[in-house]
C-alpha cells in the first residue's frame, strides 16, 4: 500500500519533501517503524520486515545500512524470493561501495540462483567483470566481458566489446586491441556511444 503509493509519487516527480509536513512526518514515522521492527523483533514478520527495510534503505542510496539489512535477511530468509533478494541486494551494495571481492562473491551467488532472469545474469557477469577490471585482473575481467559480449544484445554487450579492446590496450597488446576495435565496429555490435569511444 504505502510503499507502492510512495513509488508512484516518485514516478510523478514528487518526493517526500514535497509532501505537507504532517504527511512527511507520518511517512518518516512509518519508515522508522519498519526499520525498528526489522532490527528488534525476531518473529514471523522479521523476514518480511527485513525485506522491506533493506529495499527502502537501498532506494534511499544508504548502501552501508542496506547491506546490514540484506546480511540479516540472508541469514534468516526461508522464502526463496527473499533469499534471492538478499543476494542480489548484497551484490549491488558491495559493487556500489566498491568492495570488489565481496561484489564478485555475491555476483557468483546470484548466478547460482535458480530461474534467475537473463537481465540479472548479465548484471552479475558485469559486476564480476568490472570488479576484476578494477583489481587489474585483466584475464579474469576479459573472460567475463566475453560472456557478456556474446550474450547481451544491448548497451551492456556493446560496452563489453569495448572493454575487451580496452583490456588488450591496458595489457600493451596494441595489435589485438586494434583488431578488437575493428571487429567491434565492423560487426555492428555496438551503440553509437561505445563505437565512438572505441
C-alpha atoms as a PDB file:
ATOM      1  CA  UNK A   1       0.000   0.000   0.000  1.00  0.00           C
ATOM      2  CA  UNK A   2       2.136   2.845   1.311  1.00  0.00           C
ATOM      3  CA  UNK A   3       5.349   1.723  -0.415  1.00  0.00           C
ATOM      4  CA  UNK A   4       3.561   1.449  -3.788  1.00  0.00           C
ATOM      5  CA  UNK A   5       1.997   4.884  -3.338  1.00  0.00           C
ATOM      6  CA  UNK A   6       5.400   6.417  -2.493  1.00  0.00           C
ATOM      7  CA  UNK A   7       6.915   4.791  -5.591  1.00  0.00           C
ATOM      8  CA  UNK A   8       4.029   6.135  -7.684  1.00  0.00           C
ATOM      9  CA  UNK A   9       4.591   9.644  -6.301  1.00  0.00           C
ATOM     10  CA  UNK A  10       8.312   9.336  -7.128  1.00  0.00           C
ATOM     11  CA  UNK A  11       7.416   8.444 -10.717  1.00  0.00           C
ATOM     12  CA  UNK A  12       5.261  11.553 -10.807  1.00  0.00           C
ATOM     13  CA  UNK A  13       8.263  13.588  -9.645  1.00  0.00           C
ATOM     14  CA  UNK A  14       7.013  14.114  -6.096  1.00  0.00           C
ATOM     15  CA  UNK A  15       9.465  13.424  -3.264  1.00  0.00           C
ATOM     16  CA  UNK A  16       8.810  13.062   0.435  1.00  0.00           C
ATOM     17  CA  UNK A  17       9.995  16.665   0.912  1.00  0.00           C
ATOM     18  CA  UNK A  18       7.195  17.873  -1.397  1.00  0.00           C
ATOM     19  CA  UNK A  19       4.538  16.467   0.946  1.00  0.00           C
ATOM     20  CA  UNK A  20       2.941  18.640   3.625  1.00  0.00           C
ATOM     21  CA  UNK A  21       4.861  18.467   6.930  1.00  0.00           C
ATOM     22  CA  UNK A  22       2.215  16.302   8.641  1.00  0.00           C
ATOM     23  CA  UNK A  23       2.252  13.762   5.793  1.00  0.00           C
ATOM     24  CA  UNK A  24       6.042  13.809   5.755  1.00  0.00           C
ATOM     25  CA  UNK A  25       6.122  13.042   9.497  1.00  0.00           C
ATOM     26  CA  UNK A  26       3.715  10.128   9.037  1.00  0.00           C
ATOM     27  CA  UNK A  27       5.751   8.632   6.182  1.00  0.00           C
ATOM     28  CA  UNK A  28       9.045   9.038   8.052  1.00  0.00           C
ATOM     29  CA  UNK A  29       7.444   7.548  11.169  1.00  0.00           C
ATOM     30  CA  UNK A  30       6.277   4.520   9.200  1.00  0.00           C
ATOM     31  CA  UNK A  31       9.745   4.133   7.704  1.00  0.00           C
ATOM     32  CA  UNK A  32      11.334   4.216  11.179  1.00  0.00           C
ATOM     33  CA  UNK A  33       8.698   1.726  12.360  1.00  0.00           C
ATOM     34  CA  UNK A  34       9.608  -0.748   9.604  1.00  0.00           C
ATOM     35  CA  UNK A  35      13.327  -0.339  10.383  1.00  0.00           C
ATOM     36  CA  UNK A  36      12.705  -0.830  14.123  1.00  0.00           C
ATOM     37  CA  UNK A  37      10.579  -3.904  13.508  1.00  0.00           C
ATOM     38  CA  UNK A  38      13.343  -5.340  11.333  1.00  0.00           C
ATOM     39  CA  UNK A  39      16.026  -4.661  13.969  1.00  0.00           C
ATOM     40  CA  UNK A  40      14.353  -5.548  17.232  1.00  0.00           C
ATOM     41  CA  UNK A  41      11.690  -8.162  16.825  1.00  0.00           C
ATOM     42  CA  UNK A  42      12.537 -11.672  15.786  1.00  0.00           C
ATOM     43  CA  UNK A  43       9.198 -13.205  14.952  1.00  0.00           C
ATOM     44  CA  UNK A  44       7.223 -14.448  11.981  1.00  0.00           C
ATOM     45  CA  UNK A  45       7.311 -10.938  10.500  1.00  0.00           C
ATOM     46  CA  UNK A  46      11.092 -10.405  10.759  1.00  0.00           C
ATOM     47  CA  UNK A  47      11.849 -11.761   7.317  1.00  0.00           C
ATOM     48  CA  UNK A  48       9.256  -9.589   5.603  1.00  0.00           C
ATOM     49  CA  UNK A  49      10.267  -6.536   7.654  1.00  0.00           C
ATOM     50  CA  UNK A  50      13.920  -7.007   6.729  1.00  0.00           C
ATOM     51  CA  UNK A  51      12.965  -7.425   3.073  1.00  0.00           C
ATOM     52  CA  UNK A  52      11.025  -4.156   3.150  1.00  0.00           C
ATOM     53  CA  UNK A  53      13.579  -2.249   5.224  1.00  0.00           C
ATOM     54  CA  UNK A  54      16.523  -3.314   3.052  1.00  0.00           C
ATOM     55  CA  UNK A  55      14.653  -2.356  -0.112  1.00  0.00           C
ATOM     56  CA  UNK A  56      13.598   1.044   1.263  1.00  0.00           C
ATOM     57  CA  UNK A  57      17.084   1.880   2.560  1.00  0.00           C
ATOM     58  CA  UNK A  58      18.687   0.745  -0.724  1.00  0.00           C
ATOM     59  CA  UNK A  59      16.335   3.022  -2.669  1.00  0.00           C
ATOM     60  CA  UNK A  60      17.444   5.884  -0.398  1.00  0.00           C
ATOM     61  CA  UNK A  61      21.012   5.047  -1.523  1.00  0.00           C
ATOM     62  CA  UNK A  62      22.196   4.291   2.016  1.00  0.00           C
ATOM     63  CA  UNK A  63      24.107   1.244   0.796  1.00  0.00           C
ATOM     64  CA  UNK A  64      26.004   0.600   4.014  1.00  0.00           C
ATOM     65  CA  UNK A  65      22.812   0.405   6.050  1.00  0.00           C
ATOM     66  CA  UNK A  66      21.037  -1.594   3.339  1.00  0.00           C
ATOM     67  CA  UNK A  67      23.944  -4.032   3.332  1.00  0.00           C
ATOM     68  CA  UNK A  68      23.388  -4.669   7.043  1.00  0.00           C
ATOM     69  CA  UNK A  69      19.715  -5.433   6.466  1.00  0.00           C
ATOM     70  CA  UNK A  70      20.463  -7.644   3.463  1.00  0.00           C
ATOM     71  CA  UNK A  71      23.006  -9.616   5.527  1.00  0.00           C
ATOM     72  CA  UNK A  72      20.405 -10.127   8.276  1.00  0.00           C
ATOM     73  CA  UNK A  73      17.828 -11.118   5.682  1.00  0.00           C
ATOM     74  CA  UNK A  74      20.220 -13.588   4.082  1.00  0.00           C
ATOM     75  CA  UNK A  75      20.816 -15.250   7.453  1.00  0.00           C
ATOM     76  CA  UNK A  76      17.108 -15.776   8.272  1.00  0.00           C
ATOM     77  CA  UNK A  77      15.378 -15.950   4.882  1.00  0.00           C
ATOM     78  CA  UNK A  78      13.247 -19.035   4.427  1.00  0.00           C
ATOM     79  CA  UNK A  79      11.336 -17.655   1.450  1.00  0.00           C
ATOM     80  CA  UNK A  80      13.391 -18.294  -1.726  1.00  0.00           C
ATOM     81  CA  UNK A  81      12.337 -14.911  -3.121  1.00  0.00           C
ATOM     82  CA  UNK A  82      13.709 -13.086  -0.062  1.00  0.00           C
ATOM     83  CA  UNK A  83      16.849 -15.211  -0.084  1.00  0.00           C
ATOM     84  CA  UNK A  84      17.457 -14.258  -3.724  1.00  0.00           C
ATOM     85  CA  UNK A  85      16.654 -10.594  -2.998  1.00  0.00           C
ATOM     86  CA  UNK A  86      19.246 -10.553  -0.203  1.00  0.00           C
ATOM     87  CA  UNK A  87      21.980 -11.905  -2.504  1.00  0.00           C
ATOM     88  CA  UNK A  88      21.055  -9.515  -5.314  1.00  0.00           C
ATOM     89  CA  UNK A  89      20.937  -6.592  -2.894  1.00  0.00           C
ATOM     90  CA  UNK A  90      24.316  -7.513  -1.416  1.00  0.00           C
ATOM     91  CA  UNK A  91      25.866  -7.841  -4.875  1.00  0.00           C
ATOM     92  CA  UNK A  92      24.630  -4.347  -5.744  1.00  0.00           C
ATOM     93  CA  UNK A  93      25.628  -2.785  -2.407  1.00  0.00           C
ATOM     94  CA  UNK A  94      29.138  -4.215  -2.498  1.00  0.00           C
ATOM     95  CA  UNK A  95      29.556  -3.142  -6.127  1.00  0.00           C
ATOM     96  CA  UNK A  96      28.312   0.395  -5.472  1.00  0.00           C
ATOM     97  CA  UNK A  97      30.509   0.651  -2.378  1.00  0.00           C
ATOM     98  CA  UNK A  98      33.496  -0.515  -4.479  1.00  0.00           C
ATOM     99  CA  UNK A  99      34.096  -3.621  -2.371  1.00  0.00           C
ATOM    100  CA  UNK A 100      35.279  -5.718  -5.312  1.00  0.00           C
ATOM    101  CA  UNK A 101      35.987  -9.025  -3.566  1.00  0.00           C
ATOM    102  CA  UNK A 102      32.553  -9.225  -1.938  1.00  0.00           C
ATOM    103  CA  UNK A 103      30.840  -7.935  -5.099  1.00  0.00           C
ATOM    104  CA  UNK A 104      32.407 -10.835  -7.004  1.00  0.00           C
ATOM    105  CA  UNK A 105      31.425 -13.318  -4.288  1.00  0.00           C
ATOM    106  CA  UNK A 106      27.785 -12.224  -4.270  1.00  0.00           C
ATOM    107  CA  UNK A 107      27.564 -11.923  -8.055  1.00  0.00           C
ATOM    108  CA  UNK A 108      28.692 -15.555  -8.159  1.00  0.00           C
ATOM    109  CA  UNK A 109      25.930 -16.409  -5.668  1.00  0.00           C
ATOM    110  CA  UNK A 110      23.410 -14.577  -7.867  1.00  0.00           C
ATOM    111  CA  UNK A 111      24.494 -16.684 -10.836  1.00  0.00           C
ATOM    112  CA  UNK A 112      23.691 -19.793  -8.752  1.00  0.00           C
ATOM    113  CA  UNK A 113      20.094 -18.717  -8.032  1.00  0.00           C
ATOM    114  CA  UNK A 114      17.547 -20.958  -9.756  1.00  0.00           C
ATOM    115  CA  UNK A 115      15.438 -19.406 -12.510  1.00  0.00           C
ATOM    116  CA  UNK A 116      17.299 -16.096 -12.432  1.00  0.00           C
ATOM    117  CA  UNK A 117      16.433 -13.722 -15.275  1.00  0.00           C
ATOM    118  CA  UNK A 118      18.770 -13.081 -18.196  1.00  0.00           C
ATOM    119  CA  UNK A 119      18.953  -9.445 -17.105  1.00  0.00           C
ATOM    120  CA  UNK A 120      20.241 -10.453 -13.654  1.00  0.00           C
ATOM    121  CA  UNK A 121      22.681 -12.956 -15.163  1.00  0.00           C
ATOM    122  CA  UNK A 122      24.099 -10.164 -17.316  1.00  0.00           C
ATOM    123  CA  UNK A 123      24.232  -7.789 -14.334  1.00  0.00           C
ATOM    124  CA  UNK A 124      26.120 -10.403 -12.284  1.00  0.00           C
ATOM    125  CA  UNK A 125      28.644 -11.010 -15.093  1.00  0.00           C
ATOM    126  CA  UNK A 126      29.050  -7.241 -15.491  1.00  0.00           C
ATOM    127  CA  UNK A 127      29.624  -6.829 -11.751  1.00  0.00           C
ATOM    128  CA  UNK A 128      32.272  -9.557 -11.775  1.00  0.00           C
ATOM    129  CA  UNK A 129      33.935  -8.176 -14.914  1.00  0.00           C
ATOM    130  CA  UNK A 130      34.100  -4.590 -13.661  1.00  0.00           C
ATOM    131  CA  UNK A 131      35.328  -5.697 -10.241  1.00  0.00           C
ATOM    132  CA  UNK A 132      38.130  -7.747 -11.801  1.00  0.00           C
ATOM    133  CA  UNK A 133      38.977  -4.819 -14.072  1.00  0.00           C
ATOM    134  CA  UNK A 134      39.244  -2.512 -11.050  1.00  0.00           C
ATOM    135  CA  UNK A 135      41.542  -5.063  -9.395  1.00  0.00           C
ATOM    136  CA  UNK A 136      43.614  -5.154 -12.612  1.00  0.00           C
ATOM    137  CA  UNK A 137      42.927  -8.876 -13.029  1.00  0.00           C
ATOM    138  CA  UNK A 138      42.647  -8.384 -16.759  1.00  0.00           C
ATOM    139  CA  UNK A 139      42.379 -12.024 -17.867  1.00  0.00           C
ATOM    140  CA  UNK A 140      39.546 -12.720 -15.423  1.00  0.00           C
ATOM    141  CA  UNK A 141      37.800  -9.494 -16.429  1.00  0.00           C
ATOM    142  CA  UNK A 142      38.153 -10.320 -20.120  1.00  0.00           C
ATOM    143  CA  UNK A 143      36.594 -13.774 -19.598  1.00  0.00           C
ATOM    144  CA  UNK A 144      33.525 -12.165 -18.019  1.00  0.00           C
ATOM    145  CA  UNK A 145      33.308  -9.439 -20.663  1.00  0.00           C
ATOM    146  CA  UNK A 146      33.428 -12.154 -23.355  1.00  0.00           C
ATOM    147  CA  UNK A 147      30.408 -13.839 -21.764  1.00  0.00           C
ATOM    148  CA  UNK A 148      28.577 -10.510 -21.834  1.00  0.00           C
ATOM    149  CA  UNK A 149      29.692  -9.666 -25.380  1.00  0.00           C
ATOM    150  CA  UNK A 150      28.277 -12.930 -26.678  1.00  0.00           C
ATOM    151  CA  UNK A 151      25.014 -12.868 -24.717  1.00  0.00           C
ATOM    152  CA  UNK A 152      23.947  -9.269 -24.133  1.00  0.00           C
ATOM    153  CA  UNK A 153      22.334  -7.688 -27.164  1.00  0.00           C
ATOM    154  CA  UNK A 154      22.221  -4.233 -25.649  1.00  0.00           C
ATOM    155  CA  UNK A 155      24.407  -1.401 -24.458  1.00  0.00           C
ATOM    156  CA  UNK A 156      25.866  -3.857 -21.940  1.00  0.00           C
ATOM    157  CA  UNK A 157      27.058  -6.122 -24.754  1.00  0.00           C
ATOM    158  CA  UNK A 158      28.459  -3.118 -26.603  1.00  0.00           C
ATOM    159  CA  UNK A 159      30.328  -1.971 -23.504  1.00  0.00           C
ATOM    160  CA  UNK A 160      31.680  -5.499 -23.046  1.00  0.00           C
ATOM    161  CA  UNK A 161      33.097  -5.441 -26.586  1.00  0.00           C
ATOM    162  CA  UNK A 162      34.671  -2.052 -25.903  1.00  0.00           C
ATOM    163  CA  UNK A 163      36.153  -3.297 -22.614  1.00  0.00           C
ATOM    164  CA  UNK A 164      37.701  -6.319 -24.344  1.00  0.00           C
ATOM    165  CA  UNK A 165      39.562  -3.949 -26.686  1.00  0.00           C
ATOM    166  CA  UNK A 166      40.424  -1.736 -23.716  1.00  0.00           C
ATOM    167  CA  UNK A 167      41.892  -4.654 -21.756  1.00  0.00           C
ATOM    168  CA  UNK A 168      44.107  -5.603 -24.701  1.00  0.00           C
ATOM    169  CA  UNK A 169      45.259  -1.983 -24.741  1.00  0.00           C
ATOM    170  CA  UNK A 170      45.917  -1.978 -20.975  1.00  0.00           C
ATOM    171  CA  UNK A 171      47.983  -5.145 -21.435  1.00  0.00           C
ATOM    172  CA  UNK A 172      50.012  -3.342 -24.147  1.00  0.00           C
ATOM    173  CA  UNK A 173      48.751  -5.749 -26.816  1.00  0.00           C
ATOM    174  CA  UNK A 174      48.009  -2.947 -29.266  1.00  0.00           C
ATOM    175  CA  UNK A 175      47.546  -5.219 -32.294  1.00  0.00           C
ATOM    176  CA  UNK A 176      44.885  -7.273 -30.537  1.00  0.00           C
ATOM    177  CA  UNK A 177      43.281  -4.091 -29.234  1.00  0.00           C
ATOM    178  CA  UNK A 178      43.115  -2.598 -32.712  1.00  0.00           C
ATOM    179  CA  UNK A 179      41.695  -5.827 -34.155  1.00  0.00           C
ATOM    180  CA  UNK A 180      39.067  -5.977 -31.398  1.00  0.00           C
ATOM    181  CA  UNK A 181      38.040  -2.377 -32.153  1.00  0.00           C
ATOM    182  CA  UNK A 182      37.736  -3.032 -35.889  1.00  0.00           C
ATOM    183  CA  UNK A 183      35.803  -6.279 -35.328  1.00  0.00           C
ATOM    184  CA  UNK A 184      33.547  -4.421 -32.910  1.00  0.00           C
ATOM    185  CA  UNK A 185      32.830  -1.638 -35.403  1.00  0.00           C
ATOM    186  CA  UNK A 186      32.594  -3.926 -38.441  1.00  0.00           C
ATOM    187  CA  UNK A 187      30.315  -6.360 -36.626  1.00  0.00           C
ATOM    188  CA  UNK A 188      27.836  -3.590 -35.839  1.00  0.00           C
ATOM    189  CA  UNK A 189      27.687  -4.866 -32.261  1.00  0.00           C
ATOM    190  CA  UNK A 190      27.777  -1.513 -30.565  1.00  0.00           C
ATOM    191  CA  UNK A 191      25.764   1.515 -29.773  1.00  0.00           C
ATOM    192  CA  UNK A 192      26.914   4.869 -31.142  1.00  0.00           C
ATOM    193  CA  UNK A 193      28.376   5.774 -27.728  1.00  0.00           C
ATOM    194  CA  UNK A 194      30.591   2.691 -27.411  1.00  0.00           C
ATOM    195  CA  UNK A 195      31.640   2.686 -31.052  1.00  0.00           C
ATOM    196  CA  UNK A 196      32.698   6.349 -30.836  1.00  0.00           C
ATOM    197  CA  UNK A 197      34.520   5.668 -27.560  1.00  0.00           C
ATOM    198  CA  UNK A 198      36.413   2.764 -29.175  1.00  0.00           C
END
